[in-house]
Amino acid sequence: MAFQPFPNELGKRVYDEICGVCWGEWLKFQQQLINHYGLNLRDPKAKEFLIRNMEQFLFKPGQVGA
């Protein structure tokens, strides 16, 4: 990846372990979740939902990071 997506530990982990292609796949899936569930990104619960889904999508148990 060309940049750290968040200024926190999760952002650093994503930057260190995830390739740009995988990040792009997550962004597409994230948009599907936002549209399907009609998420309001100003709602903290919606952000928590996306973070949980991002962690599951990118860091599935048993998968090797890029």
N, C-alpha and C. Protein backbone atom coordinates (compact mmCIF):
# COMPACT_ATOMS: atom_id res chain seq x y z
N MET A 1 0.84 -1.18 0.00
CA MET A 1 0.00 0.00 0.00
C MET A 1 0.88 1.24 0.00
N ALA A 2 0.37 2.28 -0.57
CA ALA A 2 1.13 3.51 -0.70
C ALA A 2 1.01 4.42 0.52
N PHE A 3 0.04 4.14 1.39
CA PHE A 3 -0.18 5.01 2.55
C PHE A 3 -0.85 4.22 3.67
N GLN A 4 -0.77 4.75 4.87
CA GLN A 4 -1.45 4.17 6.03
C GLN A 4 -2.86 4.75 6.05
N PRO A 5 -3.91 3.92 5.95
CA PRO A 5 -5.26 4.44 5.79
C PRO A 5 -5.86 5.11 7.02
N PHE A 6 -5.38 4.80 8.20
CA PHE A 6 -5.89 5.39 9.44
C PHE A 6 -4.71 5.75 10.34
N PRO A 7 -4.82 6.84 11.10
CA PRO A 7 -3.71 7.23 11.99
C PRO A 7 -3.81 6.53 13.36
N ASN A 8 -3.86 5.18 13.32
CA ASN A 8 -3.93 4.42 14.57
C ASN A 8 -3.28 3.05 14.35
N GLU A 9 -3.36 2.19 15.36
CA GLU A 9 -2.72 0.87 15.27
C GLU A 9 -3.31 0.02 14.17
N LEU A 10 -4.64 0.07 13.99
CA LEU A 10 -5.27 -0.70 12.93
C LEU A 10 -4.77 -0.23 11.57
N GLY A 11 -4.66 1.07 11.39
CA GLY A 11 -4.14 1.62 10.15
C GLY A 11 -2.72 1.16 9.88
N LYS A 12 -1.91 1.11 10.92
CA LYS A 12 -0.52 0.63 10.77
C LYS A 12 -0.50 -0.85 10.39
N ARG A 13 -1.37 -1.64 11.02
CA ARG A 13 -1.42 -3.07 10.70
C ARG A 13 -1.85 -3.28 9.24
N VAL A 14 -2.86 -2.53 8.80
CA VAL A 14 -3.30 -2.62 7.41
C VAL A 14 -2.14 -2.27 6.48
N TYR A 15 -1.47 -1.18 6.77
CA TYR A 15 -0.34 -0.72 5.95
C TYR A 15 0.77 -1.78 5.89
N ASP A 16 1.07 -2.38 7.02
CA ASP A 16 2.16 -3.35 7.10
C ASP A 16 1.83 -4.70 6.49
N GLU A 17 0.54 -5.11 6.54
CA GLU A 17 0.19 -6.48 6.20
C GLU A 17 -0.67 -6.66 4.96
N ILE A 18 -1.24 -5.59 4.41
CA ILE A 18 -2.21 -5.74 3.33
C ILE A 18 -1.69 -5.07 2.05
N CYS A 19 -1.85 -5.76 0.94
CA CYS A 19 -1.40 -5.21 -0.35
C CYS A 19 -2.45 -4.24 -0.91
N GLY A 20 -2.02 -3.43 -1.85
CA GLY A 20 -2.91 -2.45 -2.46
C GLY A 20 -4.10 -3.08 -3.16
N VAL A 21 -3.90 -4.23 -3.81
CA VAL A 21 -5.00 -4.92 -4.50
C VAL A 21 -6.05 -5.36 -3.48
N CYS A 22 -5.61 -5.94 -2.38
CA CYS A 22 -6.54 -6.40 -1.34
C CYS A 22 -7.29 -5.22 -0.72
N TRP A 23 -6.59 -4.11 -0.53
CA TRP A 23 -7.24 -2.91 0.01
C TRP A 23 -8.32 -2.43 -0.95
N GLY A 24 -8.03 -2.46 -2.24
CA GLY A 24 -9.01 -2.07 -3.24
C GLY A 24 -10.23 -2.98 -3.22
N GLU A 25 -10.02 -4.27 -3.02
CA GLU A 25 -11.14 -5.21 -2.92
C GLU A 25 -11.99 -4.89 -1.69
N TRP A 26 -11.32 -4.54 -0.58
CA TRP A 26 -12.07 -4.16 0.61
C TRP A 26 -12.90 -2.91 0.33
N LEU A 27 -12.34 -1.91 -0.32
CA LEU A 27 -13.08 -0.67 -0.59
C LEU A 27 -14.34 -0.94 -1.41
N LYS A 28 -14.24 -1.85 -2.38
CA LYS A 28 -15.43 -2.23 -3.16
C LYS A 28 -16.47 -2.89 -2.28
N PHE A 29 -16.02 -3.83 -1.44
CA PHE A 29 -16.94 -4.54 -0.56
C PHE A 29 -17.55 -3.59 0.47
N GLN A 30 -16.74 -2.67 0.97
CA GLN A 30 -17.22 -1.68 1.93
C GLN A 30 -18.37 -0.86 1.32
N GLN A 31 -18.20 -0.46 0.06
CA GLN A 31 -19.26 0.31 -0.60
C GLN A 31 -20.53 -0.51 -0.74
N GLN A 32 -20.39 -1.80 -1.00
CA GLN A 32 -21.55 -2.68 -1.07
C GLN A 32 -22.27 -2.73 0.28
N LEU A 33 -21.51 -2.83 1.36
CA LEU A 33 -22.11 -2.85 2.70
C LEU A 33 -22.84 -1.55 2.99
N ILE A 34 -22.20 -0.43 2.66
CA ILE A 34 -22.80 0.88 2.90
C ILE A 34 -24.12 0.99 2.15
N ASN A 35 -24.13 0.60 0.88
CA ASN A 35 -25.34 0.70 0.07
C ASN A 35 -26.41 -0.29 0.52
N HIS A 36 -26.02 -1.53 0.78
CA HIS A 36 -26.98 -2.56 1.15
C HIS A 36 -27.70 -2.22 2.46
N TYR A 37 -26.92 -1.79 3.45
CA TYR A 37 -27.49 -1.51 4.77
C TYR A 37 -27.90 -0.05 4.93
N GLY A 38 -27.64 0.79 3.93
CA GLY A 38 -27.99 2.20 4.03
C GLY A 38 -27.29 2.88 5.19
N LEU A 39 -26.01 2.60 5.35
CA LEU A 39 -25.27 3.10 6.51
C LEU A 39 -25.04 4.60 6.43
N ASN A 40 -25.19 5.25 7.56
CA ASN A 40 -24.86 6.67 7.72
C ASN A 40 -23.48 6.71 8.36
N LEU A 41 -22.48 7.17 7.63
CA LEU A 41 -21.11 7.11 8.14
C LEU A 41 -20.85 8.11 9.26
N ARG A 42 -21.80 8.95 9.56
CA ARG A 42 -21.66 9.83 10.73
C ARG A 42 -22.07 9.13 12.01
N ASP A 43 -22.72 7.99 11.87
CA ASP A 43 -23.18 7.20 13.02
C ASP A 43 -22.03 6.33 13.53
N PRO A 44 -21.64 6.49 14.79
CA PRO A 44 -20.54 5.68 15.34
C PRO A 44 -20.79 4.18 15.23
N LYS A 45 -22.05 3.74 15.33
CA LYS A 45 -22.34 2.31 15.22
C LYS A 45 -22.08 1.81 13.80
N ALA A 46 -22.34 2.65 12.81
CA ALA A 46 -22.06 2.27 11.43
C ALA A 46 -20.55 2.14 11.21
N LYS A 47 -19.78 3.05 11.79
CA LYS A 47 -18.33 2.97 11.68
C LYS A 47 -17.79 1.71 12.36
N GLU A 48 -18.33 1.39 13.53
CA GLU A 48 -17.91 0.17 14.23
C GLU A 48 -18.22 -1.06 13.39
N PHE A 49 -19.40 -1.07 12.77
CA PHE A 49 -19.82 -2.18 11.91
C PHE A 49 -18.82 -2.34 10.76
N LEU A 50 -18.45 -1.24 10.12
CA LEU A 50 -17.51 -1.32 9.01
C LEU A 50 -16.12 -1.77 9.46
N ILE A 51 -15.68 -1.30 10.60
CA ILE A 51 -14.37 -1.71 11.12
C ILE A 51 -14.35 -3.21 11.42
N ARG A 52 -15.42 -3.71 12.05
CA ARG A 52 -15.50 -5.16 12.32
C ARG A 52 -15.46 -5.95 11.02
N ASN A 53 -16.22 -5.50 10.04
CA ASN A 53 -16.24 -6.19 8.76
C ASN A 53 -14.91 -6.08 8.03
N MET A 54 -14.24 -4.95 8.14
CA MET A 54 -12.93 -4.78 7.51
C MET A 54 -11.92 -5.75 8.13
N GLU A 55 -11.92 -5.86 9.44
CA GLU A 55 -10.99 -6.78 10.10
C GLU A 55 -11.25 -8.21 9.67
N GLN A 56 -12.53 -8.61 9.57
CA GLN A 56 -12.85 -9.96 9.13
C GLN A 56 -12.44 -10.18 7.67
N PHE A 57 -12.67 -9.18 6.83
CA PHE A 57 -12.36 -9.27 5.41
C PHE A 57 -10.85 -9.36 5.18
N LEU A 58 -10.10 -8.52 5.85
CA LEU A 58 -8.66 -8.44 5.61
C LEU A 58 -7.82 -9.41 6.42
N PHE A 59 -8.27 -9.75 7.62
CA PHE A 59 -7.45 -10.55 8.53
C PHE A 59 -8.16 -11.83 8.96
N LYS A 60 -8.72 -12.54 7.99
CA LYS A 60 -9.41 -13.79 8.29
C LYS A 60 -8.43 -14.77 8.93
N PRO A 61 -8.86 -15.48 9.97
CA PRO A 61 -7.98 -16.48 10.60
C PRO A 61 -7.52 -17.50 9.58
N GLY A 62 -6.26 -17.84 9.65
CA GLY A 62 -5.69 -18.86 8.78
C GLY A 62 -5.15 -18.34 7.46
N GLN A 63 -5.34 -17.05 7.18
CA GLN A 63 -4.81 -16.48 5.95
C GLN A 63 -3.49 -15.78 6.24
N VAL A 64 -2.62 -15.84 5.28
CA VAL A 64 -1.32 -15.18 5.40
C VAL A 64 -1.46 -13.78 4.82
N GLY A 65 -0.96 -12.78 5.55
CA GLY A 65 -1.00 -11.40 5.07
C GLY A 65 -0.10 -11.21 3.86
N ALA A 66 -0.40 -10.20 3.07
CA ALA A 66 0.38 -9.92 1.85
C ALA A 66 1.64 -9.16 2.18
